[in-house]
């Protein structure tokens, strides 16, 4: 039985979807300093500010090692940068928790 067939039989989501469901809220909490983790430890904000969207765009660095390629910031960076500004700049996490569920 293939991976996606097993997921369908067990009514489960793929590992990639499950990771995103937990990574995006974690990223929101780090960006808005709701955790005791400093932003500089994990996230690097993009230098360009003249692009469309929100002001919390993340920079995705190049990785030469597979281990770094699958790190939190590289997994979530592309999805985070495409989120609408109303979600990323929301005043509290509770306001947008329903959006996370609909997103994936």
PDB file of N, CA and C in Angstrom:
ATOM      1  N   UNK A   1       0.845  -1.178   0.000  1.00  0.00           N
ATOM      2  CA  UNK A   1       0.000   0.000   0.000  1.00  0.00           C
ATOM      3  C   UNK A   1       0.892   1.243   0.000  1.00  0.00           C
ATOM      4  N   UNK A   2       0.582   2.195  -0.842  1.00  0.00           N
ATOM      5  CA  UNK A   2       1.357   3.425  -0.943  1.00  0.00           C
ATOM      6  C   UNK A   2       1.031   4.378   0.215  1.00  0.00           C
ATOM      7  N   UNK A   3       1.908   5.360   0.391  1.00  0.00           N
ATOM      8  CA  UNK A   3       1.791   6.308   1.507  1.00  0.00           C
ATOM      9  C   UNK A   3       0.442   7.026   1.504  1.00  0.00           C
ATOM     10  N   UNK A   4       0.051   7.588   0.370  1.00  0.00           N
ATOM     11  CA  UNK A   4      -1.185   8.359   0.318  1.00  0.00           C
ATOM     12  C   UNK A   4      -2.417   7.462   0.454  1.00  0.00           C
ATOM     13  N   UNK A   5      -2.324   6.229   0.026  1.00  0.00           N
ATOM     14  CA  UNK A   5      -3.426   5.289   0.225  1.00  0.00           C
ATOM     15  C   UNK A   5      -3.596   4.964   1.702  1.00  0.00           C
ATOM     16  N   UNK A   6      -2.477   4.787   2.396  1.00  0.00           N
ATOM     17  CA  UNK A   6      -2.546   4.520   3.839  1.00  0.00           C
ATOM     18  C   UNK A   6      -3.127   5.711   4.583  1.00  0.00           C
ATOM     19  N   UNK A   7      -2.714   6.921   4.184  1.00  0.00           N
ATOM     20  CA  UNK A   7      -3.268   8.126   4.822  1.00  0.00           C
ATOM     21  C   UNK A   7      -4.769   8.210   4.617  1.00  0.00           C
ATOM     22  N   UNK A   8      -5.219   7.904   3.417  1.00  0.00           N
ATOM     23  CA  UNK A   8      -6.653   7.956   3.121  1.00  0.00           C
ATOM     24  C   UNK A   8      -7.415   6.905   3.941  1.00  0.00           C
ATOM     25  N   UNK A   9      -6.861   5.713   4.051  1.00  0.00           N
ATOM     26  CA  UNK A   9      -7.524   4.651   4.825  1.00  0.00           C
ATOM     27  C   UNK A   9      -7.627   5.003   6.299  1.00  0.00           C
ATOM     28  N   UNK A  10      -6.604   5.672   6.817  1.00  0.00           N
ATOM     29  CA  UNK A  10      -6.568   6.021   8.235  1.00  0.00           C
ATOM     30  C   UNK A  10      -7.155   7.405   8.519  1.00  0.00           C
ATOM     31  N   UNK A  11      -7.610   8.080   7.464  1.00  0.00           N
ATOM     32  CA  UNK A  11      -8.172   9.439   7.586  1.00  0.00           C
ATOM     33  C   UNK A  11      -7.162  10.391   8.233  1.00  0.00           C
ATOM     34  N   UNK A  12      -5.916  10.346   7.768  1.00  0.00           N
ATOM     35  CA  UNK A  12      -4.851  11.205   8.280  1.00  0.00           C
ATOM     36  C   UNK A  12      -4.391  12.174   7.212  1.00  0.00           C
ATOM     37  N   UNK A  13      -3.747  13.236   7.653  1.00  0.00           N
ATOM     38  CA  UNK A  13      -3.157  14.209   6.739  1.00  0.00           C
ATOM     39  C   UNK A  13      -1.686  13.871   6.548  1.00  0.00           C
ATOM     40  N   UNK A  14      -1.104  14.370   5.477  1.00  0.00           N
ATOM     41  CA  UNK A  14       0.304  14.095   5.212  1.00  0.00           C
ATOM     42  C   UNK A  14       1.181  14.800   6.243  1.00  0.00           C
ATOM     43  N   UNK A  15       2.399  14.338   6.340  1.00  0.00           N
ATOM     44  CA  UNK A  15       3.342  14.928   7.282  1.00  0.00           C
ATOM     45  C   UNK A  15       3.586  16.400   6.971  1.00  0.00           C
ATOM     46  N   UNK A  16       3.658  16.735   5.706  1.00  0.00           N
ATOM     47  CA  UNK A  16       3.873  18.125   5.300  1.00  0.00           C
ATOM     48  C   UNK A  16       2.735  19.023   5.783  1.00  0.00           C
ATOM     49  N   UNK A  17       1.511  18.570   5.657  1.00  0.00           N
ATOM     50  CA  UNK A  17       0.354  19.356   6.102  1.00  0.00           C
ATOM     51  C   UNK A  17       0.345  19.484   7.617  1.00  0.00           C
ATOM     52  N   UNK A  18       0.638  18.386   8.313  1.00  0.00           N
ATOM     53  CA  UNK A  18       0.667  18.441   9.776  1.00  0.00           C
ATOM     54  C   UNK A  18       1.753  19.388  10.271  1.00  0.00           C
ATOM     55  N   UNK A  19       2.902  19.384   9.622  1.00  0.00           N
ATOM     56  CA  UNK A  19       3.973  20.305  10.018  1.00  0.00           C
ATOM     57  C   UNK A  19       3.551  21.752   9.812  1.00  0.00           C
ATOM     58  N   UNK A  20       2.938  22.047   8.666  1.00  0.00           N
ATOM     59  CA  UNK A  20       2.503  23.420   8.409  1.00  0.00           C
ATOM     60  C   UNK A  20       1.466  23.884   9.414  1.00  0.00           C
ATOM     61  N   UNK A  21       0.561  23.012   9.809  1.00  0.00           N
ATOM     62  CA  UNK A  21      -0.470  23.376  10.779  1.00  0.00           C
ATOM     63  C   UNK A  21       0.124  23.772  12.125  1.00  0.00           C
ATOM     64  N   UNK A  22       1.294  23.263  12.431  1.00  0.00           N
ATOM     65  CA  UNK A  22       1.947  23.619  13.692  1.00  0.00           C
ATOM     66  C   UNK A  22       3.027  24.679  13.498  1.00  0.00           C
ATOM     67  N   UNK A  23       3.640  24.719  12.336  1.00  0.00           N
ATOM     68  CA  UNK A  23       4.716  25.672  12.083  1.00  0.00           C
ATOM     69  C   UNK A  23       4.212  27.102  11.895  1.00  0.00           C
ATOM     70  N   UNK A  24       3.093  27.270  11.198  1.00  0.00           N
ATOM     71  CA  UNK A  24       2.587  28.625  10.965  1.00  0.00           C
ATOM     72  C   UNK A  24       2.175  29.336  12.253  1.00  0.00           C
ATOM     73  N   UNK A  25       1.439  28.700  13.145  1.00  0.00           N
ATOM     74  CA  UNK A  25       1.150  29.369  14.419  1.00  0.00           C
ATOM     75  C   UNK A  25       2.415  29.649  15.236  1.00  0.00           C
ATOM     76  N   UNK A  26       3.377  28.736  15.187  1.00  0.00           N
ATOM     77  CA  UNK A  26       4.636  28.960  15.895  1.00  0.00           C
ATOM     78  C   UNK A  26       5.369  30.170  15.311  1.00  0.00           C
ATOM     79  N   UNK A  27       5.373  30.280  14.001  1.00  0.00           N
ATOM     80  CA  UNK A  27       6.004  31.420  13.344  1.00  0.00           C
ATOM     81  C   UNK A  27       5.307  32.726  13.741  1.00  0.00           C
ATOM     82  N   UNK A  28       3.972  32.712  13.785  1.00  0.00           N
ATOM     83  CA  UNK A  28       3.221  33.895  14.200  1.00  0.00           C
ATOM     84  C   UNK A  28       3.615  34.315  15.616  1.00  0.00           C
ATOM     85  N   UNK A  29       3.707  33.349  16.500  1.00  0.00           N
ATOM     86  CA  UNK A  29       4.034  33.647  17.894  1.00  0.00           C
ATOM     87  C   UNK A  29       5.465  34.162  18.039  1.00  0.00           C
ATOM     88  N   UNK A  30       6.380  33.664  17.240  1.00  0.00           N
ATOM     89  CA  UNK A  30       7.768  34.155  17.292  1.00  0.00           C
ATOM     90  C   UNK A  30       7.849  35.569  16.744  1.00  0.00           C
ATOM     91  N   UNK A  31       7.186  35.821  15.616  1.00  0.00           N
ATOM     92  CA  UNK A  31       7.223  37.154  14.999  1.00  0.00           C
ATOM     93  C   UNK A  31       6.643  38.207  15.926  1.00  0.00           C
ATOM     94  N   UNK A  32       5.565  37.887  16.601  1.00  0.00           N
ATOM     95  CA  UNK A  32       4.885  38.860  17.464  1.00  0.00           C
ATOM     96  C   UNK A  32       5.329  38.776  18.924  1.00  0.00           C
ATOM     97  N   UNK A  33       6.442  38.125  19.163  1.00  0.00           N
ATOM     98  CA  UNK A  33       7.066  38.046  20.493  1.00  0.00           C
ATOM     99  C   UNK A  33       6.118  37.510  21.561  1.00  0.00           C
ATOM    100  N   UNK A  34       5.337  36.519  21.208  1.00  0.00           N
ATOM    101  CA  UNK A  34       4.453  35.887  22.185  1.00  0.00           C
ATOM    102  C   UNK A  34       5.128  34.710  22.866  1.00  0.00           C
ATOM    103  N   UNK A  35       6.337  34.390  22.435  1.00  0.00           N
ATOM    104  CA  UNK A  35       7.146  33.351  23.065  1.00  0.00           C
ATOM    105  C   UNK A  35       8.408  33.998  23.612  1.00  0.00           C
ATOM    106  N   UNK A  36       9.099  33.295  24.470  1.00  0.00           N
ATOM    107  CA  UNK A  36      10.326  33.847  25.040  1.00  0.00           C
ATOM    108  C   UNK A  36      11.531  33.612  24.138  1.00  0.00           C
ATOM    109  N   UNK A  37      11.277  33.263  22.889  1.00  0.00           N
ATOM    110  CA  UNK A  37      12.343  33.071  21.902  1.00  0.00           C
ATOM    111  C   UNK A  37      12.548  34.393  21.178  1.00  0.00           C
ATOM    112  N   UNK A  38      13.787  34.797  21.012  1.00  0.00           N
ATOM    113  CA  UNK A  38      14.067  36.027  20.283  1.00  0.00           C
ATOM    114  C   UNK A  38      13.957  35.767  18.784  1.00  0.00           C
ATOM    115  N   UNK A  39      13.463  36.758  18.065  1.00  0.00           N
ATOM    116  CA  UNK A  39      13.313  36.638  16.612  1.00  0.00           C
ATOM    117  C   UNK A  39      14.633  36.339  15.927  1.00  0.00           C
ATOM    118  N   UNK A  40      15.696  36.950  16.389  1.00  0.00           N
ATOM    119  CA  UNK A  40      16.991  36.810  15.728  1.00  0.00           C
ATOM    120  C   UNK A  40      17.519  35.388  15.781  1.00  0.00           C
ATOM    121  N   UNK A  41      17.041  34.591  16.729  1.00  0.00           N
ATOM    122  CA  UNK A  41      17.504  33.217  16.840  1.00  0.00           C
ATOM    123  C   UNK A  41      17.003  32.335  15.698  1.00  0.00           C
ATOM    124  N   UNK A  42      15.815  32.607  15.180  1.00  0.00           N
ATOM    125  CA  UNK A  42      15.215  31.739  14.175  1.00  0.00           C
ATOM    126  C   UNK A  42      14.901  32.434  12.860  1.00  0.00           C
ATOM    127  N   UNK A  43      14.302  33.593  12.947  1.00  0.00           N
ATOM    128  CA  UNK A  43      13.762  34.231  11.753  1.00  0.00           C
ATOM    129  C   UNK A  43      14.617  35.404  11.299  1.00  0.00           C
ATOM    130  N   UNK A  44      14.779  35.510  10.002  1.00  0.00           N
ATOM    131  CA  UNK A  44      15.480  36.644   9.409  1.00  0.00           C
ATOM    132  C   UNK A  44      14.476  37.337   8.509  1.00  0.00           C
ATOM    133  N   UNK A  45      14.182  38.580   8.807  1.00  0.00           N
ATOM    134  CA  UNK A  45      13.229  39.320   7.999  1.00  0.00           C
ATOM    135  C   UNK A  45      13.896  39.808   6.723  1.00  0.00           C
ATOM    136  N   UNK A  46      13.130  39.840   5.652  1.00  0.00           N
ATOM    137  CA  UNK A  46      13.643  40.277   4.357  1.00  0.00           C
ATOM    138  C   UNK A  46      13.953  41.769   4.407  1.00  0.00           C
ATOM    139  N   UNK A  47      15.017  42.161   3.725  1.00  0.00           N
ATOM    140  CA  UNK A  47      15.431  43.564   3.710  1.00  0.00           C
ATOM    141  C   UNK A  47      14.536  44.429   2.838  1.00  0.00           C
ATOM    142  N   UNK A  48      13.942  43.843   1.831  1.00  0.00           N
ATOM    143  CA  UNK A  48      13.126  44.633   0.915  1.00  0.00           C
ATOM    144  C   UNK A  48      11.772  44.928   1.549  1.00  0.00           C
ATOM    145  N   UNK A  49      11.374  46.179   1.468  1.00  0.00           N
ATOM    146  CA  UNK A  49      10.102  46.591   2.065  1.00  0.00           C
ATOM    147  C   UNK A  49       9.149  47.163   1.028  1.00  0.00           C
ATOM    148  N   UNK A  50       9.579  47.221  -0.217  1.00  0.00           N
ATOM    149  CA  UNK A  50       8.744  47.835  -1.241  1.00  0.00           C
ATOM    150  C   UNK A  50       7.898  46.810  -1.994  1.00  0.00           C
ATOM    151  N   UNK A  51       7.774  45.613  -1.460  1.00  0.00           N
ATOM    152  CA  UNK A  51       6.978  44.601  -2.141  1.00  0.00           C
ATOM    153  C   UNK A  51       5.551  44.603  -1.619  1.00  0.00           C
ATOM    154  N   UNK A  52       4.707  43.907  -2.301  1.00  0.00           N
ATOM    155  CA  UNK A  52       3.308  43.801  -1.879  1.00  0.00           C
ATOM    156  C   UNK A  52       3.194  42.914  -0.655  1.00  0.00           C
ATOM    157  N   UNK A  53       2.074  43.040   0.016  1.00  0.00           N
ATOM    158  CA  UNK A  53       1.810  42.171   1.155  1.00  0.00           C
ATOM    159  C   UNK A  53       2.170  42.807   2.477  1.00  0.00           C
ATOM    160  N   UNK A  54       2.467  41.974   3.426  1.00  0.00           N
ATOM    161  CA  UNK A  54       2.705  42.425   4.789  1.00  0.00           C
ATOM    162  C   UNK A  54       4.163  42.811   5.016  1.00  0.00           C
ATOM    163  N   UNK A  55       4.424  43.418   6.152  1.00  0.00           N
ATOM    164  CA  UNK A  55       5.768  43.904   6.463  1.00  0.00           C
ATOM    165  C   UNK A  55       6.610  42.872   7.207  1.00  0.00           C
ATOM    166  N   UNK A  56       6.097  41.671   7.385  1.00  0.00           N
ATOM    167  CA  UNK A  56       6.829  40.619   8.102  1.00  0.00           C
ATOM    168  C   UNK A  56       7.339  39.533   7.159  1.00  0.00           C
ATOM    169  N   UNK A  57       7.737  39.912   5.968  1.00  0.00           N
ATOM    170  CA  UNK A  57       8.254  38.934   5.006  1.00  0.00           C
ATOM    171  C   UNK A  57       9.542  38.328   5.548  1.00  0.00           C
ATOM    172  N   UNK A  58       9.673  37.018   5.396  1.00  0.00           N
ATOM    173  CA  UNK A  58      10.839  36.309   5.893  1.00  0.00           C
ATOM    174  C   UNK A  58      11.820  36.034   4.757  1.00  0.00           C
ATOM    175  N   UNK A  59      13.080  36.053   5.096  1.00  0.00           N
ATOM    176  CA  UNK A  59      14.140  35.760   4.139  1.00  0.00           C
ATOM    177  C   UNK A  59      14.462  34.276   4.212  1.00  0.00           C
ATOM    178  N   UNK A  60      14.443  33.633   3.065  1.00  0.00           N
ATOM    179  CA  UNK A  60      14.789  32.215   3.015  1.00  0.00           C
ATOM    180  C   UNK A  60      16.202  32.103   2.473  1.00  0.00           C
ATOM    181  N   UNK A  61      17.110  31.753   3.334  1.00  0.00           N
ATOM    182  CA  UNK A  61      18.500  31.629   2.933  1.00  0.00           C
ATOM    183  C   UNK A  61      18.755  30.360   2.155  1.00  0.00           C
ATOM    184  N   UNK A  62      19.863  30.347   1.454  1.00  0.00           N
ATOM    185  CA  UNK A  62      20.255  29.148   0.727  1.00  0.00           C
ATOM    186  C   UNK A  62      20.879  28.164   1.695  1.00  0.00           C
ATOM    187  N   UNK A  63      20.586  26.915   1.493  1.00  0.00           N
ATOM    188  CA  UNK A  63      21.162  25.898   2.378  1.00  0.00           C
ATOM    189  C   UNK A  63      21.969  24.912   1.549  1.00  0.00           C
ATOM    190  N   UNK A  64      23.127  24.600   2.050  1.00  0.00           N
ATOM    191  CA  UNK A  64      24.003  23.650   1.380  1.00  0.00           C
ATOM    192  C   UNK A  64      23.945  22.291   2.060  1.00  0.00           C
ATOM    193  N   UNK A  65      23.205  22.207   3.137  1.00  0.00           N
ATOM    194  CA  UNK A  65      23.092  20.971   3.904  1.00  0.00           C
ATOM    195  C   UNK A  65      21.610  20.612   3.994  1.00  0.00           C
ATOM    196  N   UNK A  66      21.276  19.359   3.792  1.00  0.00           N
ATOM    197  CA  UNK A  66      19.875  18.931   3.855  1.00  0.00           C
ATOM    198  C   UNK A  66      19.238  19.211   5.202  1.00  0.00           C
ATOM    199  N   UNK A  67      20.002  19.098   6.270  1.00  0.00           N
ATOM    200  CA  UNK A  67      19.450  19.317   7.608  1.00  0.00           C
ATOM    201  C   UNK A  67      18.905  20.736   7.748  1.00  0.00           C
ATOM    202  N   UNK A  68      19.590  21.717   7.191  1.00  0.00           N
ATOM    203  CA  UNK A  68      19.135  23.112   7.283  1.00  0.00           C
ATOM    204  C   UNK A  68      17.961  23.373   6.348  1.00  0.00           C
ATOM    205  N   UNK A  69      17.889  22.635   5.266  1.00  0.00           N
ATOM    206  CA  UNK A  69      16.806  22.823   4.302  1.00  0.00           C
ATOM    207  C   UNK A  69      15.444  22.521   4.912  1.00  0.00           C
ATOM    208  N   UNK A  70      15.387  21.601   5.866  1.00  0.00           N
ATOM    209  CA  UNK A  70      14.128  21.205   6.484  1.00  0.00           C
ATOM    210  C   UNK A  70      13.907  21.841   7.855  1.00  0.00           C
ATOM    211  N   UNK A  71      14.657  22.874   8.163  1.00  0.00           N
ATOM    212  CA  UNK A  71      14.507  23.609   9.414  1.00  0.00           C
ATOM    213  C   UNK A  71      13.219  24.421   9.368  1.00  0.00           C
ATOM    214  N   UNK A  72      12.707  24.794  10.513  1.00  0.00           N
ATOM    215  CA  UNK A  72      11.429  25.505  10.620  1.00  0.00           C
ATOM    216  C   UNK A  72      11.338  26.696   9.674  1.00  0.00           C
ATOM    217  N   UNK A  73      12.339  27.552   9.665  1.00  0.00           N
ATOM    218  CA  UNK A  73      12.246  28.776   8.860  1.00  0.00           C
ATOM    219  C   UNK A  73      12.198  28.477   7.373  1.00  0.00           C
ATOM    220  N   UNK A  74      12.908  27.486   6.916  1.00  0.00           N
ATOM    221  CA  UNK A  74      12.874  27.162   5.495  1.00  0.00           C
ATOM    222  C   UNK A  74      11.598  26.436   5.106  1.00  0.00           C
ATOM    223  N   UNK A  75      11.019  25.676   6.014  1.00  0.00           N
ATOM    224  CA  UNK A  75       9.762  24.984   5.719  1.00  0.00           C
ATOM    225  C   UNK A  75       8.607  25.963   5.596  1.00  0.00           C
ATOM    226  N   UNK A  76       8.590  26.977   6.426  1.00  0.00           N
ATOM    227  CA  UNK A  76       7.424  27.838   6.550  1.00  0.00           C
ATOM    228  C   UNK A  76       7.561  29.148   5.764  1.00  0.00           C
ATOM    229  N   UNK A  77       8.734  29.460   5.309  1.00  0.00           N
ATOM    230  CA  UNK A  77       9.015  30.769   4.713  1.00  0.00           C
ATOM    231  C   UNK A  77       8.125  31.093   3.515  1.00  0.00           C
ATOM    232  N   UNK A  78       8.027  30.214   2.557  1.00  0.00           N
ATOM    233  CA  UNK A  78       7.255  30.504   1.345  1.00  0.00           C
ATOM    234  C   UNK A  78       5.766  30.661   1.639  1.00  0.00           C
ATOM    235  N   UNK A  79       5.240  29.815   2.492  1.00  0.00           N
ATOM    236  CA  UNK A  79       3.819  29.906   2.835  1.00  0.00           C
ATOM    237  C   UNK A  79       3.546  31.173   3.641  1.00  0.00           C
ATOM    238  N   UNK A  80       4.423  31.486   4.592  1.00  0.00           N
ATOM    239  CA  UNK A  80       4.272  32.674   5.429  1.00  0.00           C
ATOM    240  C   UNK A  80       4.254  33.944   4.583  1.00  0.00           C
ATOM    241  N   UNK A  81       5.146  34.034   3.604  1.00  0.00           N
ATOM    242  CA  UNK A  81       5.243  35.239   2.781  1.00  0.00           C
ATOM    243  C   UNK A  81       4.040  35.429   1.868  1.00  0.00           C
ATOM    244  N   UNK A  82       3.278  34.385   1.610  1.00  0.00           N
ATOM    245  CA  UNK A  82       2.100  34.517   0.757  1.00  0.00           C
ATOM    246  C   UNK A  82       0.813  34.781   1.542  1.00  0.00           C
ATOM    247  N   UNK A  83       0.886  34.744   2.872  1.00  0.00           N
ATOM    248  CA  UNK A  83      -0.309  35.009   3.679  1.00  0.00           C
ATOM    249  C   UNK A  83      -0.736  36.464   3.536  1.00  0.00           C
ATOM    250  N   UNK A  84      -2.029  36.748   3.613  1.00  0.00           N
ATOM    251  CA  UNK A  84      -2.499  38.134   3.540  1.00  0.00           C
ATOM    252  C   UNK A  84      -2.090  38.926   4.784  1.00  0.00           C
ATOM    253  N   UNK A  85      -1.968  40.223   4.630  1.00  0.00           N
ATOM    254  CA  UNK A  85      -1.531  41.064   5.743  1.00  0.00           C
ATOM    255  C   UNK A  85      -2.536  41.052   6.894  1.00  0.00           C
ATOM    256  N   UNK A  86      -3.816  40.838   6.606  1.00  0.00           N
ATOM    257  CA  UNK A  86      -4.811  40.796   7.688  1.00  0.00           C
ATOM    258  C   UNK A  86      -4.559  39.630   8.633  1.00  0.00           C
ATOM    259  N   UNK A  87      -3.971  38.569   8.151  1.00  0.00           N
ATOM    260  CA  UNK A  87      -3.670  37.407   8.986  1.00  0.00           C
ATOM    261  C   UNK A  87      -2.370  37.622   9.746  1.00  0.00           C
ATOM    262  N   UNK A  88      -1.344  38.026   9.042  1.00  0.00           N
ATOM    263  CA  UNK A  88      -0.020  38.165   9.646  1.00  0.00           C
ATOM    264  C   UNK A  88       0.023  39.304  10.658  1.00  0.00           C
ATOM    265  N   UNK A  89      -0.698  40.369  10.395  1.00  0.00           N
ATOM    266  CA  UNK A  89      -0.675  41.542  11.268  1.00  0.00           C
ATOM    267  C   UNK A  89      -1.851  41.569  12.241  1.00  0.00           C
ATOM    268  N   UNK A  90      -2.536  40.471  12.432  1.00  0.00           N
ATOM    269  CA  UNK A  90      -3.670  40.403  13.365  1.00  0.00           C
ATOM    270  C   UNK A  90      -3.200  40.701  14.780  1.00  0.00           C
ATOM    271  N   UNK A  91      -4.027  41.362  15.585  1.00  0.00           N
ATOM    272  CA  UNK A  91      -3.606  41.758  16.929  1.00  0.00           C
ATOM    273  C   UNK A  91      -3.407  40.604  17.898  1.00  0.00           C
ATOM    274  N   UNK A  92      -4.112  39.495  17.703  1.00  0.00           N
ATOM    275  CA  UNK A  92      -3.928  38.361  18.600  1.00  0.00           C
ATOM    276  C   UNK A  92      -4.044  37.066  17.813  1.00  0.00           C
ATOM    277  N   UNK A  93      -3.452  36.045  18.368  1.00  0.00           N
ATOM    278  CA  UNK A  93      -3.476  34.744  17.699  1.00  0.00           C
ATOM    279  C   UNK A  93      -4.870  34.152  17.683  1.00  0.00           C
ATOM    280  N   UNK A  94      -5.678  34.433  18.677  1.00  0.00           N
ATOM    281  CA  UNK A  94      -7.037  33.880  18.748  1.00  0.00           C
ATOM    282  C   UNK A  94      -7.907  34.354  17.594  1.00  0.00           C
ATOM    283  N   UNK A  95      -7.647  35.551  17.108  1.00  0.00           N
ATOM    284  CA  UNK A  95      -8.443  36.102  16.014  1.00  0.00           C
ATOM    285  C   UNK A  95      -8.240  35.302  14.735  1.00  0.00           C
ATOM    286  N   UNK A  96      -7.055  34.810  14.532  1.00  0.00           N
ATOM    287  CA  UNK A  96      -6.748  34.161  13.259  1.00  0.00           C
ATOM    288  C   UNK A  96      -6.659  32.645  13.336  1.00  0.00           C
ATOM    289  N   UNK A  97      -6.952  32.049  14.463  1.00  0.00           N
ATOM    290  CA  UNK A  97      -6.822  30.597  14.587  1.00  0.00           C
ATOM    291  C   UNK A  97      -7.727  29.854  13.607  1.00  0.00           C
ATOM    292  N   UNK A  98      -8.883  30.398  13.292  1.00  0.00           N
ATOM    293  CA  UNK A  98      -9.769  29.761  12.316  1.00  0.00           C
ATOM    294  C   UNK A  98      -9.172  29.801  10.915  1.00  0.00           C
ATOM    295  N   UNK A  99      -8.422  30.863  10.624  1.00  0.00           N
ATOM    296  CA  UNK A  99      -7.800  30.971   9.293  1.00  0.00           C
ATOM    297  C   UNK A  99      -6.765  29.870   9.098  1.00  0.00           C
ATOM    298  N   UNK A 100      -6.019  29.538  10.154  1.00  0.00           N
ATOM    299  CA  UNK A 100      -5.009  28.479  10.039  1.00  0.00           C
ATOM    300  C   UNK A 100      -5.674  27.168   9.658  1.00  0.00           C
ATOM    301  N   UNK A 101      -6.825  26.898  10.238  1.00  0.00           N
ATOM    302  CA  UNK A 101      -7.523  25.627   9.964  1.00  0.00           C
ATOM    303  C   UNK A 101      -8.036  25.575   8.530  1.00  0.00           C
ATOM    304  N   UNK A 102      -8.515  26.710   8.005  1.00  0.00           N
ATOM    305  CA  UNK A 102      -9.030  26.743   6.647  1.00  0.00           C
ATOM    306  C   UNK A 102      -7.903  26.732   5.619  1.00  0.00           C
ATOM    307  N   UNK A 103      -6.752  27.227   5.989  1.00  0.00           N
ATOM    308  CA  UNK A 103      -5.646  27.363   5.049  1.00  0.00           C
ATOM    309  C   UNK A 103      -5.192  26.015   4.505  1.00  0.00           C
ATOM    310  N   UNK A 104      -5.141  25.045   5.378  1.00  0.00           N
ATOM    311  CA  UNK A 104      -4.566  23.765   4.970  1.00  0.00           C
ATOM    312  C   UNK A 104      -5.631  22.690   4.917  1.00  0.00           C
TER     313      UNK A 104
END
